[in-house]
Amino acid sequence: MKVHVASASPATSLSEVIAALAAQMHEVDAVIARRLTSDVALINQISGYIVHAGGKRMRPKLVLLFANALGFEGPERFELAAVVEFIHTATLLHDDVVDESSLRRGKDTANALFGNAASVLVGDFLYSRAFQMMVSVNRMRVLEVLAEATNVIAEGEVLQLMNMHDPDVAVDRYLTVIRYKTAKLFEASARLGAVLADAPPELEEACAGYGRALGTAFQLVDDLLDYEGDTHALGKNVGDDLREGKPTLPLLIAMERGTPEQRALIRHAIEHGELERLADIVAIVRATGALEATRDAARAEADKAKECLASLPDSKWREALLEFCVRSIDRSF
């Protein structure tokens, strides 16, 4: 089937594109509200709490942006945008239990309020509801994309668990966790827009490549903000990654560039999840240039994402996707 291209409108400002996207996200929110309904009151309470707790909603926006850029205007885009948000929300519920987190998006985590067992089970509900929804779209390719994505995300979770408290993790292994755990759902979200538009395989792959690179950039910035931001701006506790024993890129670079004494301090902190000397570790990370090096790595990924957009026709939606790359890097929360 031929891909119908949205006509370009050079005079359309970015603010108008954002307004149009916001209107479409209202449609997604309506789907989310309808599909969250359960006969079990606690499921409604917890799932509603986490879904409506804020967030950038980048993954559902990618579904819409790529569908729009390739001329697909059917209601299935709203359903699938809600699906990826449900999958993402399920991973957050599970992550916060595994990481023993108490703060997300500036609010108490669901596990802190409702307990670990309830959070895990409601996460399972969101996963299963997402699969009910994707079946309703009646597209085998959609099922293939999302089934693979959820499986890879689970592998990423286990890989990250294996990396915990290990200061000798190689950068490649750290990046593999990002590709699996975070970037895979970005990739799937972008790919779904192309699938809905019946884009040819090479164009579908270009869309997926954009999502993969953008998701990697996004996580790299998240990791550096754990040592650069503040709790109020981030909406999570600064130093959480260190407390959890996560050897993220800022720490790996700081160990590579630091003195033996600095290296020993960071190693000990990773091994023991120690926050007592967090201020000293933040100072080392900054002094060694590890934060800027991490942001440079994120910028390189964002540049890859931009290159993938060369396959898309000029349109206001393509411009919005380019802007996504800029905003994913130049953010402080």
C-alpha atoms as a PDB file:
ATOM      1  CA  MET A   1       0.000   0.000   0.000  1.00  0.00           C
ATOM      2  CA  LYS A   2       1.246   3.458  -0.825  1.00  0.00           C
ATOM      3  CA  VAL A   3       2.202   5.706   2.071  1.00  0.00           C
ATOM      4  CA  HIS A   4       0.180   8.938   2.050  1.00  0.00           C
ATOM      5  CA  VAL A   5       2.408  11.819   3.062  1.00  0.00           C
ATOM      6  CA  ALA A   6       1.222  14.699   5.202  1.00  0.00           C
ATOM      7  CA  SER A   7       1.720  17.905   3.270  1.00  0.00           C
ATOM      8  CA  ALA A   8       4.429  20.220   4.488  1.00  0.00           C
ATOM      9  CA  SER A   9       3.468  23.611   5.824  1.00  0.00           C
ATOM     10  CA  PRO A  10       6.576  25.785   6.283  1.00  0.00           C
ATOM     11  CA  ALA A  11       4.531  28.601   7.777  1.00  0.00           C
ATOM     12  CA  THR A  12       3.228  26.386  10.538  1.00  0.00           C
ATOM     13  CA  SER A  13       5.029  27.253  13.735  1.00  0.00           C
ATOM     14  CA  LEU A  14       6.233  24.684  16.219  1.00  0.00           C
ATOM     15  CA  SER A  15       3.688  25.978  18.728  1.00  0.00           C
ATOM     16  CA  GLU A  16       0.881  25.094  16.312  1.00  0.00           C
ATOM     17  CA  VAL A  17       2.298  21.600  15.881  1.00  0.00           C
ATOM     18  CA  ILE A  18       2.490  21.222  19.648  1.00  0.00           C
ATOM     19  CA  ALA A  19      -1.131  22.357  19.935  1.00  0.00           C
ATOM     20  CA  ALA A  20      -2.217  19.835  17.303  1.00  0.00           C
ATOM     21  CA  LEU A  21      -0.306  17.082  19.070  1.00  0.00           C
ATOM     22  CA  ALA A  22      -1.836  18.090  22.406  1.00  0.00           C
ATOM     23  CA  ALA A  23      -5.311  17.728  20.906  1.00  0.00           C
ATOM     24  CA  GLN A  24      -4.434  14.239  19.713  1.00  0.00           C
ATOM     25  CA  MET A  25      -3.022  13.367  23.137  1.00  0.00           C
ATOM     26  CA  HIS A  26      -6.436  14.255  24.595  1.00  0.00           C
ATOM     27  CA  GLU A  27      -7.818  11.459  22.421  1.00  0.00           C
ATOM     28  CA  VAL A  28      -5.155   9.141  23.842  1.00  0.00           C
ATOM     29  CA  ASP A  29      -6.052  10.196  27.375  1.00  0.00           C
ATOM     30  CA  ALA A  30      -9.692   9.325  26.650  1.00  0.00           C
ATOM     31  CA  VAL A  31      -8.612   5.837  25.539  1.00  0.00           C
ATOM     32  CA  ILE A  32      -6.479   5.460  28.670  1.00  0.00           C
ATOM     33  CA  ALA A  33      -9.351   6.472  30.947  1.00  0.00           C
ATOM     34  CA  ARG A  34     -11.732   4.051  29.231  1.00  0.00           C
ATOM     35  CA  ARG A  35      -9.297   1.134  29.168  1.00  0.00           C
ATOM     36  CA  LEU A  36      -8.120   1.531  32.763  1.00  0.00           C
ATOM     37  CA  THR A  37     -11.522   0.597  34.118  1.00  0.00           C
ATOM     38  CA  SER A  38     -11.625  -2.583  36.192  1.00  0.00           C
ATOM     39  CA  ASP A  39     -14.168  -4.195  38.494  1.00  0.00           C
ATOM     40  CA  VAL A  40     -11.384  -4.367  41.096  1.00  0.00           C
ATOM     41  CA  ALA A  41     -11.234  -1.060  42.965  1.00  0.00           C
ATOM     42  CA  LEU A  42      -7.555  -1.308  43.956  1.00  0.00           C
ATOM     43  CA  ILE A  43      -6.537  -1.778  40.320  1.00  0.00           C
ATOM     44  CA  ASN A  44      -8.379   1.419  39.392  1.00  0.00           C
ATOM     45  CA  GLN A  45      -6.779   3.258  42.281  1.00  0.00           C
ATOM     46  CA  ILE A  46      -3.170   2.242  41.658  1.00  0.00           C
ATOM     47  CA  SER A  47      -3.170   2.265  37.862  1.00  0.00           C
ATOM     48  CA  GLY A  48      -4.927   5.625  37.830  1.00  0.00           C
ATOM     49  CA  TYR A  49      -2.450   7.012  40.337  1.00  0.00           C
ATOM     50  CA  ILE A  50       0.621   6.085  38.311  1.00  0.00           C
ATOM     51  CA  VAL A  51      -0.782   6.851  34.831  1.00  0.00           C
ATOM     52  CA  HIS A  52      -1.983  10.297  35.893  1.00  0.00           C
ATOM     53  CA  ALA A  53       1.120  11.122  37.941  1.00  0.00           C
ATOM     54  CA  GLY A  54       2.573  13.220  35.120  1.00  0.00           C
ATOM     55  CA  GLY A  55       5.471  12.452  32.831  1.00  0.00           C
ATOM     56  CA  LYS A  56       6.469  13.515  29.352  1.00  0.00           C
ATOM     57  CA  ARG A  57       4.430  10.842  27.526  1.00  0.00           C
ATOM     58  CA  MET A  58       7.191  10.660  24.913  1.00  0.00           C
ATOM     59  CA  ARG A  59       6.424   7.121  23.780  1.00  0.00           C
ATOM     60  CA  PRO A  60       2.753   7.700  22.870  1.00  0.00           C
ATOM     61  CA  LYS A  61       3.763  10.975  21.236  1.00  0.00           C
ATOM     62  CA  LEU A  62       6.189   9.063  19.012  1.00  0.00           C
ATOM     63  CA  VAL A  63       3.385   6.774  17.829  1.00  0.00           C
ATOM     64  CA  LEU A  64       1.317   9.817  16.898  1.00  0.00           C
ATOM     65  CA  LEU A  65       4.159  11.816  15.342  1.00  0.00           C
ATOM     66  CA  PHE A  66       5.263   9.020  13.027  1.00  0.00           C
ATOM     67  CA  ALA A  67       1.687   8.106  12.101  1.00  0.00           C
ATOM     68  CA  ASN A  68       1.047  11.773  11.309  1.00  0.00           C
ATOM     69  CA  ALA A  69       4.315  12.157   9.391  1.00  0.00           C
ATOM     70  CA  LEU A  70       3.367   9.206   7.198  1.00  0.00           C
ATOM     71  CA  GLY A  71      -0.226  10.298   6.684  1.00  0.00           C
ATOM     72  CA  PHE A  72      -2.094   7.769   8.836  1.00  0.00           C
ATOM     73  CA  GLU A  73      -5.140   9.319  10.523  1.00  0.00           C
ATOM     74  CA  GLY A  74      -7.110   6.302  11.773  1.00  0.00           C
ATOM     75  CA  PRO A  75      -8.215   5.872  15.413  1.00  0.00           C
ATOM     76  CA  GLU A  76      -5.840   2.920  15.812  1.00  0.00           C
ATOM     77  CA  ARG A  77      -3.029   5.416  16.454  1.00  0.00           C
ATOM     78  CA  PHE A  78      -4.744   6.535  19.666  1.00  0.00           C
ATOM     79  CA  GLU A  79      -5.244   2.949  20.802  1.00  0.00           C
ATOM     80  CA  LEU A  80      -1.596   2.042  20.211  1.00  0.00           C
ATOM     81  CA  ALA A  81      -0.358   5.252  21.800  1.00  0.00           C
ATOM     82  CA  ALA A  82      -2.289   4.215  24.922  1.00  0.00           C
ATOM     83  CA  VAL A  83      -0.865   0.695  24.659  1.00  0.00           C
ATOM     84  CA  VAL A  84       2.750   1.868  24.802  1.00  0.00           C
ATOM     85  CA  GLU A  85       1.904   4.144  27.733  1.00  0.00           C
ATOM     86  CA  PHE A  86       0.388   1.168  29.585  1.00  0.00           C
ATOM     87  CA  ILE A  87       3.464  -0.944  28.891  1.00  0.00           C
ATOM     88  CA  HIS A  88       5.718   1.871  30.077  1.00  0.00           C
ATOM     89  CA  THR A  89       3.624   2.360  33.203  1.00  0.00           C
ATOM     90  CA  ALA A  90       3.794  -1.359  33.980  1.00  0.00           C
ATOM     91  CA  THR A  91       7.589  -1.249  33.766  1.00  0.00           C
ATOM     92  CA  LEU A  92       7.655   1.738  36.136  1.00  0.00           C
ATOM     93  CA  LEU A  93       5.570  -0.126  38.700  1.00  0.00           C
ATOM     94  CA  HIS A  94       7.896  -3.120  38.523  1.00  0.00           C
ATOM     95  CA  ASP A  95      11.069  -0.987  38.429  1.00  0.00           C
ATOM     96  CA  ASP A  96      10.181   0.914  41.559  1.00  0.00           C
ATOM     97  CA  VAL A  97       9.647  -2.332  43.447  1.00  0.00           C
ATOM     98  CA  VAL A  98      12.945  -3.812  42.264  1.00  0.00           C
ATOM     99  CA  ASP A  99      14.835  -0.563  42.942  1.00  0.00           C
ATOM    100  CA  GLU A 100      13.036   0.086  46.250  1.00  0.00           C
ATOM    101  CA  SER A 101      12.336   3.620  45.031  1.00  0.00           C
ATOM    102  CA  SER A 102      10.194   5.993  47.082  1.00  0.00           C
ATOM    103  CA  LEU A 103       9.887   8.995  44.749  1.00  0.00           C
ATOM    104  CA  ARG A 104       8.989   9.342  41.079  1.00  0.00           C
ATOM    105  CA  ARG A 105       7.899  12.474  39.183  1.00  0.00           C
ATOM    106  CA  GLY A 106       7.945  14.328  42.489  1.00  0.00           C
ATOM    107  CA  LYS A 107       5.362  12.041  44.096  1.00  0.00           C
ATOM    108  CA  ASP A 108       5.469   8.968  46.308  1.00  0.00           C
ATOM    109  CA  THR A 109       5.866   5.814  44.254  1.00  0.00           C
ATOM    110  CA  ALA A 110       2.952   3.382  44.111  1.00  0.00           C
ATOM    111  CA  ASN A 111       4.917   0.768  46.036  1.00  0.00           C
ATOM    112  CA  ALA A 112       5.605   3.297  48.802  1.00  0.00           C
ATOM    113  CA  LEU A 113       1.879   4.028  49.092  1.00  0.00           C
ATOM    114  CA  PHE A 114       0.243   0.691  48.342  1.00  0.00           C
ATOM    115  CA  GLY A 115       2.975  -1.886  48.960  1.00  0.00           C
ATOM    116  CA  ASN A 116       5.157  -4.009  46.707  1.00  0.00           C
ATOM    117  CA  ALA A 117       2.720  -6.864  46.122  1.00  0.00           C
ATOM    118  CA  ALA A 118      -0.102  -4.626  44.925  1.00  0.00           C
ATOM    119  CA  SER A 119       2.254  -2.642  42.664  1.00  0.00           C
ATOM    120  CA  VAL A 120       3.620  -5.757  40.970  1.00  0.00           C
ATOM    121  CA  LEU A 121       0.159  -7.235  40.426  1.00  0.00           C
ATOM    122  CA  VAL A 122      -1.270  -4.015  39.005  1.00  0.00           C
ATOM    123  CA  GLY A 123       1.751  -3.815  36.716  1.00  0.00           C
ATOM    124  CA  ASP A 124       0.777  -7.279  35.489  1.00  0.00           C
ATOM    125  CA  PHE A 125      -2.780  -6.047  34.921  1.00  0.00           C
ATOM    126  CA  LEU A 126      -1.507  -3.157  32.781  1.00  0.00           C
ATOM    127  CA  TYR A 127       0.620  -5.527  30.702  1.00  0.00           C
ATOM    128  CA  SER A 128      -2.297  -7.865  30.088  1.00  0.00           C
ATOM    129  CA  ARG A 129      -4.682  -4.994  29.329  1.00  0.00           C
ATOM    130  CA  ALA A 130      -2.147  -3.665  26.816  1.00  0.00           C
ATOM    131  CA  PHE A 131      -2.173  -7.001  25.020  1.00  0.00           C
ATOM    132  CA  GLN A 132      -5.974  -7.033  24.940  1.00  0.00           C
ATOM    133  CA  MET A 133      -5.846  -3.612  23.294  1.00  0.00           C
ATOM    134  CA  MET A 134      -3.222  -4.491  20.705  1.00  0.00           C
ATOM    135  CA  VAL A 135      -5.235  -7.551  19.666  1.00  0.00           C
ATOM    136  CA  SER A 136      -8.219  -5.271  19.047  1.00  0.00           C
ATOM    137  CA  VAL A 137      -6.232  -3.437  16.354  1.00  0.00           C
ATOM    138  CA  ASN A 138      -6.213  -6.729  14.409  1.00  0.00           C
ATOM    139  CA  ARG A 139      -2.762  -6.276  12.867  1.00  0.00           C
ATOM    140  CA  MET A 140      -0.317  -9.184  13.205  1.00  0.00           C
ATOM    141  CA  ARG A 141       2.673  -6.889  12.658  1.00  0.00           C
ATOM    142  CA  VAL A 142       1.576  -4.775  15.639  1.00  0.00           C
ATOM    143  CA  LEU A 143       1.531  -7.900  17.809  1.00  0.00           C
ATOM    144  CA  GLU A 144       4.978  -8.910  16.568  1.00  0.00           C
ATOM    145  CA  VAL A 145       6.478  -5.513  17.344  1.00  0.00           C
ATOM    146  CA  LEU A 146       5.029  -5.203  20.831  1.00  0.00           C
ATOM    147  CA  ALA A 147       5.540  -8.838  21.832  1.00  0.00           C
ATOM    148  CA  GLU A 148       9.218  -8.540  20.924  1.00  0.00           C
ATOM    149  CA  ALA A 149       9.524  -5.200  22.708  1.00  0.00           C
ATOM    150  CA  THR A 150       8.065  -6.447  25.994  1.00  0.00           C
ATOM    151  CA  ASN A 151      10.311  -9.501  25.903  1.00  0.00           C
ATOM    152  CA  VAL A 152      13.447  -7.444  25.261  1.00  0.00           C
ATOM    153  CA  ILE A 153      12.500  -4.989  28.019  1.00  0.00           C
ATOM    154  CA  ALA A 154      12.268  -7.900  30.464  1.00  0.00           C
ATOM    155  CA  GLU A 155      15.714  -9.084  29.358  1.00  0.00           C
ATOM    156  CA  GLY A 156      17.025  -5.581  29.955  1.00  0.00           C
ATOM    157  CA  GLU A 157      15.630  -5.590  33.481  1.00  0.00           C
ATOM    158  CA  VAL A 158      17.441  -8.831  34.250  1.00  0.00           C
ATOM    159  CA  LEU A 159      20.679  -7.579  32.673  1.00  0.00           C
ATOM    160  CA  GLN A 160      20.519  -4.464  34.814  1.00  0.00           C
ATOM    161  CA  LEU A 161      19.966  -6.584  37.900  1.00  0.00           C
ATOM    162  CA  MET A 162      23.095  -8.568  37.007  1.00  0.00           C
ATOM    163  CA  ASN A 163      25.064  -5.316  36.701  1.00  0.00           C
ATOM    164  CA  MET A 164      24.047  -4.003  40.119  1.00  0.00           C
ATOM    165  CA  HIS A 165      26.925  -3.295  42.497  1.00  0.00           C
ATOM    166  CA  ASP A 166      29.495  -4.250  39.847  1.00  0.00           C
ATOM    167  CA  PRO A 167      31.994  -1.410  39.232  1.00  0.00           C
ATOM    168  CA  ASP A 168      33.721  -3.453  36.519  1.00  0.00           C
ATOM    169  CA  VAL A 169      30.782  -3.363  34.105  1.00  0.00           C
ATOM    170  CA  ALA A 170      32.000  -2.544  30.600  1.00  0.00           C
ATOM    171  CA  VAL A 171      30.525   0.476  28.827  1.00  0.00           C
ATOM    172  CA  ASP A 172      29.205  -1.802  26.069  1.00  0.00           C
ATOM    173  CA  ARG A 173      27.300  -3.869  28.611  1.00  0.00           C
ATOM    174  CA  TYR A 174      25.879  -0.727  30.192  1.00  0.00           C
ATOM    175  CA  LEU A 175      24.728   0.490  26.777  1.00  0.00           C
ATOM    176  CA  THR A 176      23.133  -2.890  26.064  1.00  0.00           C
ATOM    177  CA  VAL A 177      20.972  -2.453  29.159  1.00  0.00           C
ATOM    178  CA  ILE A 178      19.863   0.964  27.889  1.00  0.00           C
ATOM    179  CA  ARG A 179      19.050  -0.401  24.418  1.00  0.00           C
ATOM    180  CA  TYR A 180      16.990  -3.212  25.928  1.00  0.00           C
ATOM    181  CA  LYS A 181      15.384  -1.573  28.945  1.00  0.00           C
ATOM    182  CA  THR A 182      14.651   1.954  27.705  1.00  0.00           C
ATOM    183  CA  ALA A 183      15.346   2.413  24.016  1.00  0.00           C
ATOM    184  CA  LYS A 184      13.381  -0.670  22.913  1.00  0.00           C
ATOM    185  CA  LEU A 185       9.995   0.842  23.758  1.00  0.00           C
ATOM    186  CA  PHE A 186      10.972   4.121  22.070  1.00  0.00           C
ATOM    187  CA  GLU A 187      11.946   2.049  19.025  1.00  0.00           C
ATOM    188  CA  ALA A 188       8.667   0.114  19.077  1.00  0.00           C
ATOM    189  CA  SER A 189       6.625   3.307  19.470  1.00  0.00           C
ATOM    190  CA  ALA A 190       8.238   4.915  16.434  1.00  0.00           C
ATOM    191  CA  ARG A 191       7.952   1.702  14.439  1.00  0.00           C
ATOM    192  CA  LEU A 192       4.229   1.403  15.191  1.00  0.00           C
ATOM    193  CA  GLY A 193       3.516   4.686  13.440  1.00  0.00           C
ATOM    194  CA  ALA A 194       5.175   3.302  10.327  1.00  0.00           C
ATOM    195  CA  VAL A 195       3.361  -0.037  10.651  1.00  0.00           C
ATOM    196  CA  LEU A 196      -0.010   1.702  10.827  1.00  0.00           C
ATOM    197  CA  ALA A 197       0.856   3.659   7.677  1.00  0.00           C
ATOM    198  CA  ASP A 198       1.892   0.467   5.848  1.00  0.00           C
ATOM    199  CA  ALA A 199       5.319   1.975   5.263  1.00  0.00           C
ATOM    200  CA  PRO A 200       7.823  -0.126   3.279  1.00  0.00           C
ATOM    201  CA  PRO A 201      10.359  -2.118   5.352  1.00  0.00           C
ATOM    202  CA  GLU A 202      13.254   0.291   4.833  1.00  0.00           C
ATOM    203  CA  LEU A 203      11.153   3.250   6.003  1.00  0.00           C
ATOM    204  CA  GLU A 204       9.863   1.268   8.974  1.00  0.00           C
ATOM    205  CA  GLU A 205      13.476   0.521   9.930  1.00  0.00           C
ATOM    206  CA  ALA A 206      14.406   4.198   9.657  1.00  0.00           C
ATOM    207  CA  CYS A 207      11.568   5.112  12.023  1.00  0.00           C
ATOM    208  CA  ALA A 208      12.649   2.381  14.428  1.00  0.00           C
ATOM    209  CA  GLY A 209      16.248   3.606  14.237  1.00  0.00           C
ATOM    210  CA  TYR A 210      15.126   7.075  15.230  1.00  0.00           C
ATOM    211  CA  GLY A 211      13.265   5.723  18.261  1.00  0.00           C
ATOM    212  CA  ARG A 212      16.182   3.532  19.315  1.00  0.00           C
ATOM    213  CA  ALA A 213      18.705   6.385  19.127  1.00  0.00           C
ATOM    214  CA  LEU A 214      16.372   8.901  20.790  1.00  0.00           C
ATOM    215  CA  GLY A 215      15.610   6.465  23.607  1.00  0.00           C
ATOM    216  CA  THR A 216      19.318   5.881  24.184  1.00  0.00           C
ATOM    217  CA  ALA A 217      19.983   9.629  24.278  1.00  0.00           C
ATOM    218  CA  PHE A 218      17.095  10.139  26.663  1.00  0.00           C
ATOM    219  CA  GLN A 219      18.394   7.542  29.136  1.00  0.00           C
ATOM    220  CA  LEU A 220      21.967   8.838  28.974  1.00  0.00           C
ATOM    221  CA  VAL A 221      20.712  12.283  29.972  1.00  0.00           C
ATOM    222  CA  ASP A 222      18.615  10.712  32.748  1.00  0.00           C
ATOM    223  CA  ASP A 223      21.754   9.032  34.072  1.00  0.00           C
ATOM    224  CA  LEU A 224      23.814  12.209  34.114  1.00  0.00           C
ATOM    225  CA  LEU A 225      21.012  14.180  35.777  1.00  0.00           C
ATOM    226  CA  ASP A 226      21.305  11.842  38.767  1.00  0.00           C
ATOM    227  CA  TYR A 227      24.582  13.654  39.477  1.00  0.00           C
ATOM    228  CA  GLU A 228      23.767  17.087  38.061  1.00  0.00           C
ATOM    229  CA  GLY A 229      20.182  17.885  39.032  1.00  0.00           C
ATOM    230  CA  ASP A 230      18.297  18.351  42.274  1.00  0.00           C
ATOM    231  CA  THR A 231      15.496  16.322  43.813  1.00  0.00           C
ATOM    232  CA  HIS A 232      12.808  18.983  43.282  1.00  0.00           C
ATOM    233  CA  ALA A 233      13.590  19.430  39.578  1.00  0.00           C
ATOM    234  CA  LEU A 234      14.112  15.746  38.836  1.00  0.00           C
ATOM    235  CA  GLY A 235      11.096  14.462  40.712  1.00  0.00           C
ATOM    236  CA  LYS A 236      13.223  11.683  42.160  1.00  0.00           C
ATOM    237  CA  ASN A 237      15.900  11.497  44.816  1.00  0.00           C
ATOM    238  CA  VAL A 238      19.308  12.620  43.585  1.00  0.00           C
ATOM    239  CA  GLY A 239      21.781   9.782  44.054  1.00  0.00           C
ATOM    240  CA  ASP A 240      19.159   7.055  43.604  1.00  0.00           C
ATOM    241  CA  ASP A 241      21.277   5.341  40.944  1.00  0.00           C
ATOM    242  CA  LEU A 242      24.237   5.204  43.304  1.00  0.00           C
ATOM    243  CA  ARG A 243      22.096   3.982  46.200  1.00  0.00           C
ATOM    244  CA  GLU A 244      20.880   1.170  43.961  1.00  0.00           C
ATOM    245  CA  GLY A 245      24.456   0.308  42.980  1.00  0.00           C
ATOM    246  CA  LYS A 246      23.944   1.168  39.308  1.00  0.00           C
ATOM    247  CA  PRO A 247      27.235   1.673  37.452  1.00  0.00           C
ATOM    248  CA  THR A 248      26.003   4.312  34.985  1.00  0.00           C
ATOM    249  CA  LEU A 249      28.137   6.072  32.375  1.00  0.00           C
ATOM    250  CA  PRO A 250      29.035   9.147  34.498  1.00  0.00           C
ATOM    251  CA  LEU A 251      30.522   6.837  37.131  1.00  0.00           C
ATOM    252  CA  LEU A 252      32.272   4.595  34.610  1.00  0.00           C
ATOM    253  CA  ILE A 253      33.897   7.608  32.921  1.00  0.00           C
ATOM    254  CA  ALA A 254      34.852   9.155  36.262  1.00  0.00           C
ATOM    255  CA  MET A 255      36.565   5.927  37.307  1.00  0.00           C
ATOM    256  CA  GLU A 256      38.412   5.763  33.997  1.00  0.00           C
ATOM    257  CA  ARG A 257      39.661   9.366  34.296  1.00  0.00           C
ATOM    258  CA  GLY A 258      40.022   9.750  38.060  1.00  0.00           C
ATOM    259  CA  THR A 259      42.979   9.224  40.370  1.00  0.00           C
ATOM    260  CA  PRO A 260      43.444   5.857  42.099  1.00  0.00           C
ATOM    261  CA  GLU A 261      41.921   7.362  45.248  1.00  0.00           C
ATOM    262  CA  GLN A 262      38.911   8.712  43.372  1.00  0.00           C
ATOM    263  CA  ARG A 263      38.482   5.402  41.576  1.00  0.00           C
ATOM    264  CA  ALA A 264      38.575   3.495  44.862  1.00  0.00           C
ATOM    265  CA  LEU A 265      35.929   5.768  46.393  1.00  0.00           C
ATOM    266  CA  ILE A 266      33.530   5.299  43.464  1.00  0.00           C
ATOM    267  CA  ARG A 267      34.127   1.532  43.360  1.00  0.00           C
ATOM    268  CA  HIS A 268      33.321   1.235  47.049  1.00  0.00           C
ATOM    269  CA  ALA A 269      30.169   3.318  46.675  1.00  0.00           C
ATOM    270  CA  ILE A 270      28.900   1.184  43.755  1.00  0.00           C
ATOM    271  CA  GLU A 271      29.666  -2.064  45.545  1.00  0.00           C
ATOM    272  CA  HIS A 272      27.879  -1.015  48.724  1.00  0.00           C
ATOM    273  CA  GLY A 273      25.216   1.379  47.412  1.00  0.00           C
ATOM    274  CA  GLU A 274      26.711   3.986  49.687  1.00  0.00           C
ATOM    275  CA  LEU A 275      25.445   7.572  49.785  1.00  0.00           C
ATOM    276  CA  GLU A 276      27.450   8.865  52.753  1.00  0.00           C
ATOM    277  CA  ARG A 277      30.006  10.463  50.440  1.00  0.00           C
ATOM    278  CA  LEU A 278      27.631  11.354  47.620  1.00  0.00           C
ATOM    279  CA  ALA A 279      28.819  14.986  47.617  1.00  0.00           C
ATOM    280  CA  ASP A 280      32.428  13.830  47.122  1.00  0.00           C
ATOM    281  CA  ILE A 281      31.428  11.494  44.311  1.00  0.00           C
ATOM    282  CA  VAL A 282      29.407  14.213  42.571  1.00  0.00           C
ATOM    283  CA  ALA A 283      32.465  16.466  42.817  1.00  0.00           C
ATOM    284  CA  ILE A 284      34.644  13.765  41.216  1.00  0.00           C
ATOM    285  CA  VAL A 285      32.139  13.147  38.437  1.00  0.00           C
ATOM    286  CA  ARG A 286      32.094  16.853  37.654  1.00  0.00           C
ATOM    287  CA  ALA A 287      35.850  17.395  37.995  1.00  0.00           C
ATOM    288  CA  THR A 288      36.681  14.556  35.606  1.00  0.00           C
ATOM    289  CA  GLY A 289      34.357  15.924  32.919  1.00  0.00           C
ATOM    290  CA  ALA A 290      32.231  12.776  33.108  1.00  0.00           C
ATOM    291  CA  LEU A 291      28.963  14.702  32.932  1.00  0.00           C
ATOM    292  CA  GLU A 292      29.883  16.547  29.760  1.00  0.00           C
ATOM    293  CA  ALA A 293      31.267  13.338  28.241  1.00  0.00           C
ATOM    294  CA  THR A 294      27.962  11.609  28.977  1.00  0.00           C
ATOM    295  CA  ARG A 295      26.021  14.488  27.436  1.00  0.00           C
ATOM    296  CA  ASP A 296      28.299  14.286  24.376  1.00  0.00           C
ATOM    297  CA  ALA A 297      27.441  10.593  24.076  1.00  0.00           C
ATOM    298  CA  ALA A 298      23.747  11.486  24.301  1.00  0.00           C
ATOM    299  CA  ARG A 299      24.207  14.207  21.679  1.00  0.00           C
ATOM    300  CA  ALA A 300      25.821  11.678  19.329  1.00  0.00           C
ATOM    301  CA  GLU A 301      22.774   9.421  19.708  1.00  0.00           C
ATOM    302  CA  ALA A 302      20.441  12.345  19.039  1.00  0.00           C
ATOM    303  CA  ASP A 303      22.420  13.078  15.866  1.00  0.00           C
ATOM    304  CA  LYS A 304      21.866   9.461  14.778  1.00  0.00           C
ATOM    305  CA  ALA A 305      18.155   9.934  15.340  1.00  0.00           C
ATOM    306  CA  LYS A 306      18.172  13.062  13.172  1.00  0.00           C
ATOM    307  CA  GLU A 307      19.894  11.159  10.367  1.00  0.00           C
ATOM    308  CA  CYS A 308      17.135   8.555  10.412  1.00  0.00           C
ATOM    309  CA  LEU A 309      14.591  11.275   9.635  1.00  0.00           C
ATOM    310  CA  ALA A 310      16.179  11.871   6.233  1.00  0.00           C
ATOM    311  CA  SER A 311      13.953   9.067   4.950  1.00  0.00           C
ATOM    312  CA  LEU A 312      10.793  10.960   5.912  1.00  0.00           C
ATOM    313  CA  PRO A 313       9.220  13.597   3.667  1.00  0.00           C
ATOM    314  CA  ASP A 314       9.309  17.211   4.796  1.00  0.00           C
ATOM    315  CA  SER A 315       6.367  18.078   7.019  1.00  0.00           C
ATOM    316  CA  LYS A 316       5.550  19.875  10.237  1.00  0.00           C
ATOM    317  CA  TRP A 317       5.565  16.487  11.969  1.00  0.00           C
ATOM    318  CA  ARG A 318       9.103  15.760  10.800  1.00  0.00           C
ATOM    319  CA  GLU A 319      10.161  19.137  12.178  1.00  0.00           C
ATOM    320  CA  ALA A 320       8.591  18.222  15.507  1.00  0.00           C
ATOM    321  CA  LEU A 321      10.588  14.987  15.539  1.00  0.00           C
ATOM    322  CA  LEU A 322      13.776  16.977  14.930  1.00  0.00           C
ATOM    323  CA  GLU A 323      12.831  19.212  17.848  1.00  0.00           C
ATOM    324  CA  PHE A 324      12.385  16.117  20.025  1.00  0.00           C
ATOM    325  CA  CYS A 325      16.075  15.371  19.477  1.00  0.00           C
ATOM    326  CA  VAL A 326      17.099  18.808  20.699  1.00  0.00           C
ATOM    327  CA  ARG A 327      14.848  18.720  23.739  1.00  0.00           C
ATOM    328  CA  SER A 328      15.971  15.235  24.743  1.00  0.00           C
ATOM    329  CA  ILE A 329      19.504  16.591  25.245  1.00  0.00           C
ATOM    330  CA  ASP A 330      18.961  20.134  26.473  1.00  0.00           C
ATOM    331  CA  ARG A 331      16.875  19.310  29.527  1.00  0.00           C
ATOM    332  CA  SER A 332      17.425  19.511  33.242  1.00  0.00           C
ATOM    333  CA  PHE A 333      14.720  17.068  34.402  1.00  0.00           C
END
